[in-house]
Protein backbone atom coordinates (compact mmCIF):
# COMPACT_ATOMS: atom_id res chain seq x y z
CA MET A 1 65.08 73.31 7.87
CA PRO A 2 67.74 72.07 5.40
CA LEU A 3 70.04 74.77 3.98
CA PRO A 4 69.02 74.30 0.28
CA ARG A 5 65.33 74.77 1.14
CA LEU A 6 66.13 77.83 3.28
CA MET A 7 68.08 79.41 0.42
CA ILE A 8 65.24 78.77 -2.03
CA LEU A 9 62.77 80.36 0.42
CA VAL A 10 64.95 83.50 0.87
CA ILE A 11 65.50 83.88 -2.87
CA GLY A 12 61.78 83.41 -3.58
CA LEU A 13 60.74 85.99 -0.99
CA SER A 14 63.36 88.46 -2.35
CA ILE A 15 62.00 88.07 -5.90
CA ILE A 16 58.40 88.54 -4.71
CA LEU A 17 59.37 91.65 -2.70
CA GLY A 18 61.24 93.10 -5.71
CA LEU A 19 58.24 92.51 -8.00
CA ILE A 20 55.93 94.21 -5.49
CA ILE A 21 58.24 97.29 -5.30
CA TRP A 22 58.48 97.40 -9.09
CA LEU A 23 54.70 97.14 -9.41
CA ILE A 24 54.07 99.94 -6.90
CA ASN A 25 56.68 102.16 -8.60
CA SER A 26 55.19 101.55 -12.04
CA ILE A 27 51.66 102.32 -10.84
CA TYR A 28 52.89 105.52 -9.18
CA ARG A 29 54.63 106.71 -12.38
CA LEU A 30 51.53 105.94 -14.41
CA TYR A 31 49.38 107.88 -11.98
CA ILE A 32 51.71 110.96 -12.11
CA GLN A 33 51.74 111.00 -15.90
CA VAL A 34 47.94 110.70 -16.24
CA SER A 35 47.04 113.02 -13.34
CA PHE A 36 48.63 116.08 -15.04
CA THR A 37 46.15 115.94 -17.90
CA ALA A 38 43.16 114.00 -16.42
CA PRO A 39 43.03 113.71 -12.63
CA LEU A 40 39.67 111.88 -12.64
CA LEU A 41 40.93 109.33 -15.15
CA ALA A 42 44.07 108.78 -13.03
CA ASN A 43 41.99 108.12 -9.94
CA PHE A 44 39.68 105.75 -11.87
CA LEU A 45 42.72 103.91 -13.27
CA ILE A 46 44.20 103.48 -9.79
CA PHE A 47 40.90 102.06 -8.47
CA LEU A 48 40.67 99.74 -11.48
CA ILE A 49 44.19 98.40 -10.97
CA MET A 50 43.56 97.92 -7.26
CA GLY A 51 40.32 96.07 -8.06
CA LEU A 52 42.08 93.77 -10.51
CA LEU A 53 44.77 93.06 -7.95
CA GLY A 54 42.07 92.30 -5.35
CA LEU A 55 40.28 89.92 -7.74
CA SER A 56 43.58 88.20 -8.49
CA ILE A 57 44.33 87.72 -4.80
CA TYR A 58 40.76 86.48 -4.16
CA GLY A 59 41.03 84.06 -7.10
CA PHE A 60 44.32 82.74 -5.79
CA ILE A 61 42.90 82.24 -2.27
CA TYR A 62 39.74 80.58 -3.62
CA TYR A 63 41.75 78.19 -5.78
CA PHE A 64 44.08 77.41 -2.87
CA ASN A 65 41.15 76.63 -0.54
CA LEU A 66 39.45 74.51 -3.20
CA THR A 67 42.61 72.51 -3.76
CA THR A 68 43.14 72.10 -0.01
CA SER A 69 39.56 70.94 0.56
CA ARG A 70 39.88 68.42 -2.25
CA LYS A 71 43.07 67.11 -0.73
CA SER A 72 41.43 66.89 2.69
CA ARG A 73 38.47 65.01 1.21
CA LYS A 74 40.85 62.67 -0.55
CA SER A 75 42.76 62.19 2.69
CA LYS A 76 39.47 61.40 4.46
CA ARG A 77 38.65 58.87 1.79
CA ARG A 78 42.07 57.39 2.27
CA GLN A 79 41.42 57.22 6.01
CA LEU A 80 38.23 55.28 5.35
CA LYS A 81 40.21 52.60 3.60
CA LEU A 82 40.76 49.54 5.72
CA PRO A 83 44.34 48.72 6.78
CA GLU A 84 45.90 47.30 3.63
CA GLN A 85 48.04 44.62 5.28
CA LYS A 86 45.06 43.05 7.03
CA THR A 87 42.71 43.28 4.06
CA GLU A 88 45.33 41.77 1.79
CA ALA A 89 45.80 38.92 4.27
CA ALA A 90 42.01 38.40 4.37
CA GLU A 91 41.81 38.38 0.57
CA GLU A 92 44.63 35.84 0.36
CA ASN A 93 42.90 33.68 2.98
CA LEU A 94 39.67 33.78 0.99
CA LYS A 95 41.52 32.76 -2.18
CA ALA A 96 43.15 29.89 -0.29
CA VAL A 97 39.74 28.85 1.07
CA ARG A 98 38.28 28.74 -2.45
CA ARG A 99 41.18 26.56 -3.58
CA GLN A 100 40.63 24.26 -0.59
CA VAL A 101 36.88 24.09 -1.20
CA GLN A 102 37.51 22.68 -4.67
CA GLN A 103 39.02 19.60 -2.98
CA ILE A 104 35.89 18.92 -0.89
CA GLN A 105 33.87 16.03 -2.30
CA ASP A 106 30.73 16.75 -0.28
CA LYS A 107 28.87 19.13 -2.62
CA VAL A 108 26.58 20.46 0.12
CA ALA A 109 29.51 21.40 2.37
CA GLN A 110 31.39 22.76 -0.64
CA LYS A 111 28.51 25.06 -1.63
CA ALA A 112 27.99 26.23 1.96
CA LEU A 113 31.65 27.22 2.35
CA LEU A 114 31.69 28.98 -1.02
CA ASN A 115 28.59 30.99 -0.06
CA ARG A 116 30.17 32.00 3.24
CA SER A 117 33.40 33.03 1.53
CA GLN A 118 31.34 35.24 -0.82
CA GLU A 119 29.53 36.80 2.15
CA ILE A 120 32.86 37.62 3.80
CA ALA A 121 34.14 39.11 0.54
CA GLN A 122 31.01 41.28 0.29
CA SER A 123 31.46 42.43 3.89
CA LEU A 124 35.00 43.44 3.00
CA ILE A 125 33.69 45.55 0.11
CA ARG A 126 30.80 47.17 2.03
CA GLY A 127 32.86 47.90 5.16
CA GLU A 128 29.93 48.01 7.57
CA LEU A 129 30.53 48.17 11.31
CA LYS A 130 28.77 45.24 12.99
CA VAL A 131 27.88 45.77 16.64
CA ILE A 132 26.42 42.68 18.34
CA VAL A 133 24.46 42.88 21.61
CA PHE A 134 25.05 39.66 23.56
CA GLY A 135 24.06 38.33 26.99
CA THR A 136 21.40 36.50 28.99
CA GLY A 137 17.76 36.77 28.02
CA SER A 138 16.74 39.01 30.97
CA ALA A 139 19.74 41.39 31.00
CA GLY A 140 17.91 44.03 28.94
CA LYS A 141 19.55 43.64 25.52
CA THR A 142 16.45 44.68 23.56
CA SER A 143 15.88 47.66 25.87
CA LEU A 144 19.44 48.75 25.19
CA VAL A 145 18.89 48.56 21.43
CA ASN A 146 15.62 50.47 21.80
CA ALA A 147 17.36 53.24 23.70
CA LEU A 148 20.21 53.44 21.21
CA ILE A 149 18.12 53.77 18.08
CA GLY A 150 15.40 55.83 19.75
CA GLU A 151 12.42 53.71 18.78
CA ILE A 152 10.75 50.49 19.85
CA VAL A 153 12.12 47.49 17.98
CA GLY A 154 10.90 44.63 20.14
CA GLN A 155 9.39 43.63 23.45
CA VAL A 156 11.22 45.03 26.45
CA ASP A 157 9.96 42.99 29.39
CA ALA A 158 12.22 40.64 31.37
CA THR A 159 10.77 37.42 29.97
CA MET A 160 13.44 34.92 28.87
CA GLY A 161 13.46 34.17 25.16
CA THR A 162 11.96 37.41 23.84
CA THR A 163 14.29 37.71 20.85
CA LYS A 164 13.88 34.58 18.73
CA ILE A 165 16.38 35.35 15.98
CA GLY A 166 19.16 37.84 15.44
CA GLU A 167 17.48 41.15 14.51
CA THR A 168 19.59 43.87 12.90
CA TYR A 169 18.97 47.63 12.86
CA HIS A 170 20.77 50.72 11.58
CA LEU A 171 22.45 53.09 13.98
CA LYS A 172 23.89 56.52 13.26
CA LEU A 173 26.60 58.15 15.40
CA LYS A 174 27.99 61.63 14.87
CA GLY A 175 31.46 61.69 13.37
CA ILE A 176 31.26 58.14 11.98
CA SER A 177 30.66 57.95 8.25
CA ARG A 178 30.46 54.15 8.01
CA GLU A 179 27.13 52.42 8.34
CA ILE A 180 26.66 50.86 11.79
CA LEU A 181 24.57 47.70 12.04
CA ILE A 182 23.46 46.77 15.55
CA THR A 183 22.13 43.23 16.10
CA ASP A 184 20.01 42.12 19.05
CA THR A 185 20.78 38.42 19.60
CA PRO A 186 18.75 35.73 21.39
CA GLY A 187 19.62 35.25 25.04
CA ILE A 188 22.11 32.68 26.27
CA LEU A 189 21.67 30.23 29.16
CA GLU A 190 18.00 29.57 28.38
CA ALA A 191 16.40 26.21 29.21
CA GLY A 192 15.04 23.65 26.74
CA ILE A 193 15.86 22.63 23.19
CA GLU A 194 14.69 25.95 21.71
CA GLY A 195 16.82 27.83 24.23
CA THR A 196 19.89 25.80 23.24
CA GLU A 197 19.24 26.45 19.56
CA ARG A 198 18.85 30.20 20.17
CA GLU A 199 22.05 30.25 22.21
CA THR A 200 23.92 28.54 19.36
CA LEU A 201 22.66 31.25 16.99
CA ALA A 202 23.64 33.99 19.45
CA ARG A 203 27.17 32.61 19.83
CA GLN A 204 27.53 32.35 16.04
CA LEU A 205 26.45 35.97 15.60
CA ALA A 206 28.84 37.05 18.37
CA THR A 207 31.81 35.50 16.56
CA GLU A 208 30.94 37.63 13.50
CA ALA A 209 30.90 40.95 15.40
CA ASP A 210 33.29 43.83 14.82
CA LEU A 211 32.39 45.06 18.32
CA LEU A 212 30.60 43.12 21.05
CA LEU A 213 28.32 44.67 23.69
CA PHE A 214 28.07 42.06 26.47
CA VAL A 215 25.11 42.99 28.68
CA VAL A 216 24.71 41.95 32.33
CA ASP A 217 22.36 43.13 35.07
CA ASN A 218 24.56 42.22 38.05
CA ASP A 219 27.99 40.77 38.77
CA LEU A 220 29.26 38.24 36.21
CA ARG A 221 28.22 34.66 36.83
CA GLN A 222 30.59 31.86 35.82
CA SER A 223 28.17 30.83 33.05
CA GLU A 224 28.44 34.39 31.66
CA TYR A 225 32.16 34.80 32.25
CA GLU A 226 33.11 31.73 30.19
CA PRO A 227 31.53 32.77 26.84
CA LEU A 228 32.81 36.35 27.31
CA HIS A 229 36.35 35.08 27.94
CA ILE A 230 36.17 32.68 24.97
CA LEU A 231 35.09 35.50 22.66
CA ALA A 232 37.91 37.69 23.98
CA ASP A 233 40.38 34.86 23.36
CA ILE A 234 39.45 34.65 19.68
CA GLY A 235 40.03 38.39 19.34
CA LYS A 236 36.59 39.96 19.84
CA ARG A 237 36.71 43.61 20.96
CA SER A 238 34.15 43.88 23.75
CA LEU A 239 32.41 46.43 25.94
CA LEU A 240 30.92 45.07 29.18
CA ILE A 241 27.59 46.81 29.86
CA PHE A 242 26.15 46.82 33.39
CA ASN A 243 22.44 47.49 32.76
CA LYS A 244 19.52 48.19 35.13
CA ILE A 245 21.53 50.34 37.52
CA ASP A 246 18.27 52.04 38.54
CA LEU A 247 17.52 48.92 40.61
CA TYR A 248 20.55 49.51 42.85
CA THR A 249 21.72 52.18 45.24
CA GLU A 250 24.77 54.23 44.31
CA GLU A 251 26.86 52.26 46.78
CA GLU A 252 25.71 48.94 45.29
CA GLN A 253 26.36 50.23 41.77
CA GLU A 254 29.94 51.15 42.65
CA GLN A 255 30.53 47.81 44.33
CA ILE A 256 29.24 45.83 41.31
CA MET A 257 31.27 47.98 38.90
CA GLN A 258 34.44 47.28 40.90
CA GLN A 259 33.69 43.55 40.87
CA LEU A 260 33.08 43.57 37.11
CA ARG A 261 36.30 45.47 36.37
CA GLN A 262 38.25 43.08 38.57
CA ARG A 263 36.80 39.95 36.91
CA VAL A 264 37.59 41.07 33.36
CA LYS A 265 40.84 42.87 34.19
CA GLY A 266 42.96 40.64 31.96
CA PHE A 267 41.01 41.11 28.72
CA ILE A 268 38.69 44.15 29.00
CA ALA A 269 39.91 47.62 29.98
CA ALA A 270 38.31 49.39 32.95
CA SER A 271 37.10 52.18 30.63
CA ASP A 272 35.19 49.58 28.62
CA VAL A 273 33.06 48.53 31.62
CA ILE A 274 30.06 50.89 31.47
CA SER A 275 26.96 51.30 33.66
CA ILE A 276 23.59 52.29 32.15
CA ALA A 277 19.83 52.13 32.66
CA ALA A 278 18.35 51.34 29.25
CA ASN A 279 14.76 51.12 30.45
CA PRO A 280 14.42 52.63 33.95
CA GLN A 281 11.47 51.53 36.06
CA GLN A 282 8.45 53.78 36.36
CA PHE A 283 7.78 55.58 39.62
CA LYS A 284 4.82 57.39 41.15
CA ARG A 285 5.01 61.03 42.15
CA THR A 286 3.44 62.38 45.32
CA THR A 287 0.66 63.69 43.13
CA GLY A 288 -0.10 60.14 42.03
CA GLU A 289 1.21 60.70 38.49
CA ILE A 290 3.17 57.76 36.97
CA MET A 291 6.49 58.89 35.52
CA GLN A 292 8.71 57.07 33.06
CA PRO A 293 12.37 58.22 33.39
CA GLU A 294 14.44 58.73 30.28
CA PRO A 295 17.01 56.04 29.44
CA ASP A 296 20.43 56.71 30.94
CA ILE A 297 22.76 55.49 28.17
CA ILE A 298 24.89 58.58 27.47
CA PRO A 299 28.05 56.93 28.92
CA LEU A 300 27.59 54.02 26.50
CA ILE A 301 26.98 56.28 23.48
CA LYS A 302 30.09 58.33 24.29
CA ARG A 303 32.29 55.26 24.71
CA LEU A 304 30.82 53.61 21.64
CA ALA A 305 31.56 56.70 19.55
CA VAL A 306 35.13 56.94 20.87
CA VAL A 307 35.88 53.28 20.17
CA LEU A 308 34.31 53.24 16.69
CA ARG A 309 36.03 56.49 15.65
CA ALA A 310 39.45 55.43 16.88
CA GLU A 311 39.34 51.72 16.10
CA GLY A 312 36.53 51.24 13.58
CA GLU A 313 38.71 50.53 10.55
CA ASP A 314 40.94 48.15 12.47
CA LEU A 315 37.91 46.40 14.00
CA ILE A 316 36.43 45.73 10.56
CA ALA A 317 39.75 44.54 9.14
CA ASP A 318 40.48 42.33 12.16
CA ASN A 319 37.03 40.76 12.00
CA ILE A 320 37.22 40.10 8.26
CA LEU A 321 40.65 38.53 8.74
CA LEU A 322 39.37 36.43 11.65
CA GLN A 323 36.30 35.27 9.68
CA SER A 324 38.42 34.26 6.69
CA GLN A 325 40.86 32.38 8.95
CA ARG A 326 38.03 30.54 10.73
CA LEU A 327 36.47 29.63 7.39
CA GLY A 328 39.83 28.33 6.19
CA GLU A 329 40.19 26.27 9.36
CA GLU A 330 36.71 24.79 8.86
CA ALA A 331 37.59 23.87 5.26
CA ARG A 332 40.83 22.24 6.45
CA LYS A 333 38.91 20.17 9.01
CA ILE A 334 36.45 18.95 6.36
CA ILE A 335 39.30 18.04 4.01
CA ASP A 336 41.16 16.32 6.86
CA ARG A 337 38.11 14.18 7.68
CA GLN A 338 37.69 13.40 3.99
CA ARG A 339 41.32 12.36 3.64
CA LYS A 340 41.11 10.29 6.81
CA ARG A 341 38.16 8.33 5.39
CA GLN A 342 40.05 7.71 2.16
CA ALA A 343 43.20 6.66 4.05
CA ASP A 344 41.16 4.31 6.29
CA GLN A 345 39.74 2.63 3.19
CA ILE A 346 43.27 2.09 1.84
CA ILE A 347 44.47 0.70 5.19
CA ASP A 348 41.44 -1.58 5.47
CA ARG A 349 42.03 -2.95 1.97
CA TYR A 350 45.73 -3.65 2.43
CA GLN A 351 45.44 -5.10 5.93
CA TRP A 352 43.02 -7.83 4.85
CA ILE A 353 44.82 -8.53 1.56
CA GLY A 354 48.08 -9.02 3.46
CA ALA A 355 46.34 -11.09 6.13
CA GLY A 356 44.91 -13.48 3.57
CA VAL A 357 48.22 -14.00 1.78
CA ILE A 358 50.21 -14.59 4.97
CA ALA A 359 47.54 -16.89 6.43
CA VAL A 360 47.81 -19.14 3.38
CA THR A 361 51.63 -19.06 3.32
CA PRO A 362 52.79 -18.41 6.93
CA LEU A 363 56.17 -16.73 7.37
CA PRO A 364 58.67 -18.54 9.62
CA VAL A 365 60.25 -15.42 11.14
CA VAL A 366 58.45 -12.70 13.12
CA ASP A 367 60.75 -9.97 11.73
CA MET A 368 59.66 -10.91 8.23
CA LEU A 369 56.06 -10.68 9.38
CA ALA A 370 56.53 -7.07 10.46
CA THR A 371 58.21 -6.14 7.17
CA ALA A 372 55.57 -7.87 5.08
CA ALA A 373 52.75 -6.23 7.02
CA VAL A 374 53.95 -2.74 6.13
CA ASN A 375 53.17 -2.64 2.45
CA ALA A 376 55.16 -0.08 0.47
CA GLN A 377 52.34 0.44 -2.01
CA MET A 378 49.99 1.29 0.85
CA VAL A 379 52.42 4.02 1.93
CA VAL A 380 52.50 5.46 -1.59
CA GLU A 381 48.70 5.53 -1.84
CA ILE A 382 48.23 7.17 1.58
CA GLY A 383 50.81 9.78 0.62
CA LYS A 384 48.88 10.50 -2.58
CA VAL A 385 45.68 11.11 -0.59
CA TYR A 386 47.54 13.82 1.37
CA GLY A 387 49.06 15.37 -1.74
CA CYS A 388 52.52 13.83 -1.27
CA GLU A 389 53.73 12.15 -4.45
CA LEU A 390 56.09 9.26 -3.57
CA ASN A 391 57.73 6.73 -5.86
CA SER A 392 57.99 3.03 -5.02
CA ASP A 393 61.55 3.40 -3.68
CA ASN A 394 60.49 6.12 -1.24
CA GLY A 395 57.56 3.94 -0.17
CA LYS A 396 59.85 0.96 0.45
CA ASP A 397 62.29 3.03 2.50
CA LEU A 398 59.51 4.41 4.69
CA ALA A 399 57.90 0.96 5.05
CA LEU A 400 61.18 -0.71 6.07
CA SER A 401 61.95 2.06 8.54
CA LEU A 402 58.59 1.68 10.24
CA GLY A 403 58.81 -2.14 10.12
CA LYS A 404 62.10 -2.04 12.01
CA THR A 405 60.53 0.32 14.55
CA LEU A 406 57.65 -2.12 15.10
CA VAL A 407 60.14 -4.89 15.90
CA SER A 408 62.50 -2.78 18.04
CA LEU A 409 59.64 -1.50 20.20
CA GLY A 410 58.29 -4.99 20.80
CA VAL A 411 55.04 -4.12 19.04
CA VAL A 412 55.19 -7.27 16.90
CA LYS A 413 55.61 -9.58 19.89
CA GLY A 414 52.96 -7.68 21.81
CA ALA A 415 50.53 -7.99 18.90
CA VAL A 416 51.16 -11.74 18.57
CA ASP A 417 50.57 -12.31 22.31
CA LEU A 418 47.48 -10.11 22.42
CA LEU A 419 45.79 -11.64 19.38
CA SER A 420 46.72 -15.20 20.33
CA ARG A 421 44.85 -14.85 23.61
CA VAL A 422 41.83 -13.23 22.00
CA LEU A 423 41.66 -15.66 19.08
CA GLN A 424 41.77 -18.69 21.36
CA LEU A 425 38.50 -17.49 22.87
CA ASN A 426 36.83 -16.93 19.53
CA MET A 427 37.77 -19.83 17.23
CA ALA A 428 38.63 -23.50 17.03
CA THR A 429 42.04 -24.53 18.37
CA TYR A 430 43.12 -26.32 15.22
CA LEU A 431 42.93 -23.09 13.13
CA ILE A 432 44.90 -20.83 15.48
CA GLY A 433 48.35 -21.80 14.28
CA LYS A 434 47.38 -21.26 10.66
CA VAL A 435 45.81 -17.80 10.95
CA ILE A 436 47.64 -16.14 13.84
CA GLN A 437 50.30 -14.67 11.57
CA GLY A 438 47.74 -13.46 9.05
CA VAL A 439 45.57 -11.70 11.62
CA THR A 440 48.67 -10.24 13.32
CA ALA A 441 49.88 -8.98 9.95
CA ALA A 442 46.55 -7.21 9.43
CA TYR A 443 46.81 -5.69 12.91
CA LEU A 444 50.36 -4.46 12.32
CA THR A 445 49.40 -3.12 8.89
CA ARG A 446 46.70 -1.07 10.55
CA ILE A 447 49.12 0.35 13.14
CA ALA A 448 51.60 1.17 10.38
CA GLY A 449 48.92 2.76 8.18
CA LYS A 450 47.58 4.92 11.02
CA SER A 451 51.13 6.01 11.84
CA PHE A 452 51.70 7.06 8.24
CA VAL A 453 48.44 9.03 8.27
CA GLU A 454 49.87 11.10 11.16
CA TYR A 455 53.14 11.47 9.26
CA PHE A 456 51.48 12.82 6.10
CA ARG A 457 48.94 14.94 7.98
CA HIS A 458 51.83 16.89 9.49
CA ASP A 459 53.57 17.52 6.17
CA GLN A 460 55.84 14.45 6.30
CA ASP A 461 57.01 15.15 9.84
CA TRP A 462 56.96 12.62 12.69
CA GLY A 463 56.87 15.41 15.28
CA ASP A 464 59.07 16.09 18.27
CA GLY A 465 58.81 12.51 19.58
CA GLY A 466 59.78 11.01 16.24
CA ILE A 467 58.51 7.81 14.67
CA THR A 468 58.80 5.95 18.00
CA GLU A 469 56.23 8.10 19.78
CA VAL A 470 53.77 7.94 16.87
CA VAL A 471 53.96 4.13 16.61
CA GLN A 472 53.61 3.66 20.38
CA ARG A 473 50.57 5.95 20.47
CA GLN A 474 48.88 4.05 17.63
CA PHE A 475 49.66 0.70 19.30
CA GLN A 476 48.07 1.88 22.54
CA LEU A 477 44.97 3.08 20.69
CA SER A 478 44.72 -0.28 18.91
CA ARG A 479 44.84 -2.21 22.20
CA LYS A 480 41.57 -0.80 23.49
CA ASP A 481 38.91 -3.44 24.14
CA GLU A 482 36.31 -1.83 21.90
CA PHE A 483 38.70 -1.85 18.94
CA ILE A 484 39.99 -5.38 19.56
CA LYS A 485 36.47 -6.80 19.67
CA GLY A 486 35.54 -5.23 16.35
CA PHE A 487 38.87 -6.13 14.77
CA VAL A 488 38.69 -9.81 15.77
CA LYS A 489 35.10 -9.98 14.53
CA ASP A 490 36.22 -8.68 11.13
CA ALA A 491 39.26 -11.01 11.16
CA ILE A 492 37.05 -14.05 11.74
CA ALA A 493 34.78 -13.01 8.87
CA LYS A 494 37.56 -12.11 6.42
CA VAL A 495 40.39 -14.50 7.33
CA VAL A 496 39.24 -17.37 9.55
CA GLN A 497 35.96 -18.17 7.79
CA PRO A 498 37.51 -18.35 4.28
CA LEU A 499 40.24 -20.66 5.65
CA THR A 500 37.62 -22.84 7.36
CA ASP A 501 35.64 -23.11 4.14
CA THR A 502 38.81 -23.98 2.18
CA TRP A 503 39.83 -26.62 4.70
CA GLU A 504 36.38 -28.24 4.56
CA GLU A 505 36.46 -28.35 0.76
CA GLU A 506 39.92 -29.91 0.75
CA THR A 507 38.96 -32.63 3.23
CA GLU A 508 35.74 -33.69 1.51
CA GLU A 509 37.56 -36.18 -0.73
CA LEU A 510 39.88 -37.54 2.01
CA PRO A 511 39.33 -40.81 3.97
CA GLU A 512 37.27 -40.49 7.15
CA GLU A 513 40.24 -40.52 9.51
CA PHE A 514 41.83 -37.55 7.65
CA LYS A 515 38.71 -35.41 7.92
CA GLN A 516 39.42 -34.71 11.57
CA PRO A 517 41.02 -31.45 12.67
CA PRO A 518 44.84 -31.48 12.59
CA ILE A 519 45.26 -32.46 16.28
CA GLN A 520 42.87 -35.45 15.90
CA GLN A 521 44.56 -36.44 12.62
CA LYS A 522 47.88 -36.63 14.45
CA ALA A 523 46.36 -38.91 17.13
CA VAL A 524 44.87 -41.25 14.51
CA LEU A 525 48.20 -41.53 12.69
CA GLU A 526 50.05 -42.27 15.95
CA GLU A 527 47.56 -45.07 16.75
CA GLU A 528 48.13 -46.58 13.31
CA ASP A 529 51.92 -46.48 13.81
CA ASP A 530 51.60 -48.23 17.20
CA TRP A 531 49.46 -50.90 15.60
């Protein structure tokens, strides 16, 4: 104890002791003076003073206990508060989600995300503990819920597909003041379309759990291990429940328990692997009487109580934080797809505009082709879609940088060779020379545009591999047969056909010998010169 506090304590005790001695001495003198004349009155006065002192002491103790109990209740209320750091993070995530949702153009998706963000916010306010029972359809999930809440809440046979939707019930455990909601989910690994739909619902409910009870009736199969491991990876606190132990001998039970603990060793503690018999099988006595054993779920109830008491507040906070983060990620994906569509429209517009211009006025140098194909205005517009405001100078710098990369990597030459071969198979020979640069320009514009989409998606960062890796990856994607076929088909419709129509119009008024394609025109002129 620090010296100043020790001195204050000694001085305080000395003063209290002195006051007590003074009080006793004063009462004694009063008693002597009164007792000479009225002994009965002196005795009554002494009893009265002692009574008043007793009442004072009682009042002090009562007030002290009342104050202490209030403080303890306040401290309990404080303990019921969720961890502030996590709840604040969840609240900030929800605010960020709402800001993101405002950018979503799809009104249906926007409304759905807003509703879910409100549900998460309400869960944060209510602070309920959500326990989800998850597993195959025949593992005895409904029987487990029945045993926990002490009443029948559904069918309990082993037929697959008993629980059609997630059904939620209230559960009360001693020492836990929060409301516990326990949900019996549809079974996983069921056959058919309905089974797949129910499994999807079950997995969705599992991701929303504060605590997961994963029920099995034997050793874990691979098809059961995978969803359990995935849920553990995203941060779900889980108890692995080995049900129907009444069907096994004690030796078999121990062997299965060891196998289960070994399989989940990396993500579920051994103490969280629990064996129970939620709905033991009936048996016949020697007298012929059919007996129904009581459910053996005490180990689960004890472990459930321990976990919820010790970790309940953290489980709620962690789940709320996880739900808000997942919702934010879903909103980001929707916005990313939306931006990608907008950027693709910009790229599509600029690639065919550039193709048309260059096809009409071919450029003599391939380097110039690459530079012309990367339109600075296209860069500015793509940046705007991703929230990056660029001026024309910034756009030109980025366009020139990528244009030089296209040339240095041999992408321009590769594009010319690739499209020349493909175009020769799809159009008349006399038009190839005129449109090859235009179509190649469109192709290079697309590669450049897609590269810039990656650049802006990652907050104006080319990544570890730099601009070279991004351009090479986009070039490889654009060389795939499926893409080339579609691209050439569009090029013929948007570049070749307009040029063909223009050429036919221009040759309508010419003499017959000049209406031939360029190669035949050259032959006719050479014959005339020889003549």
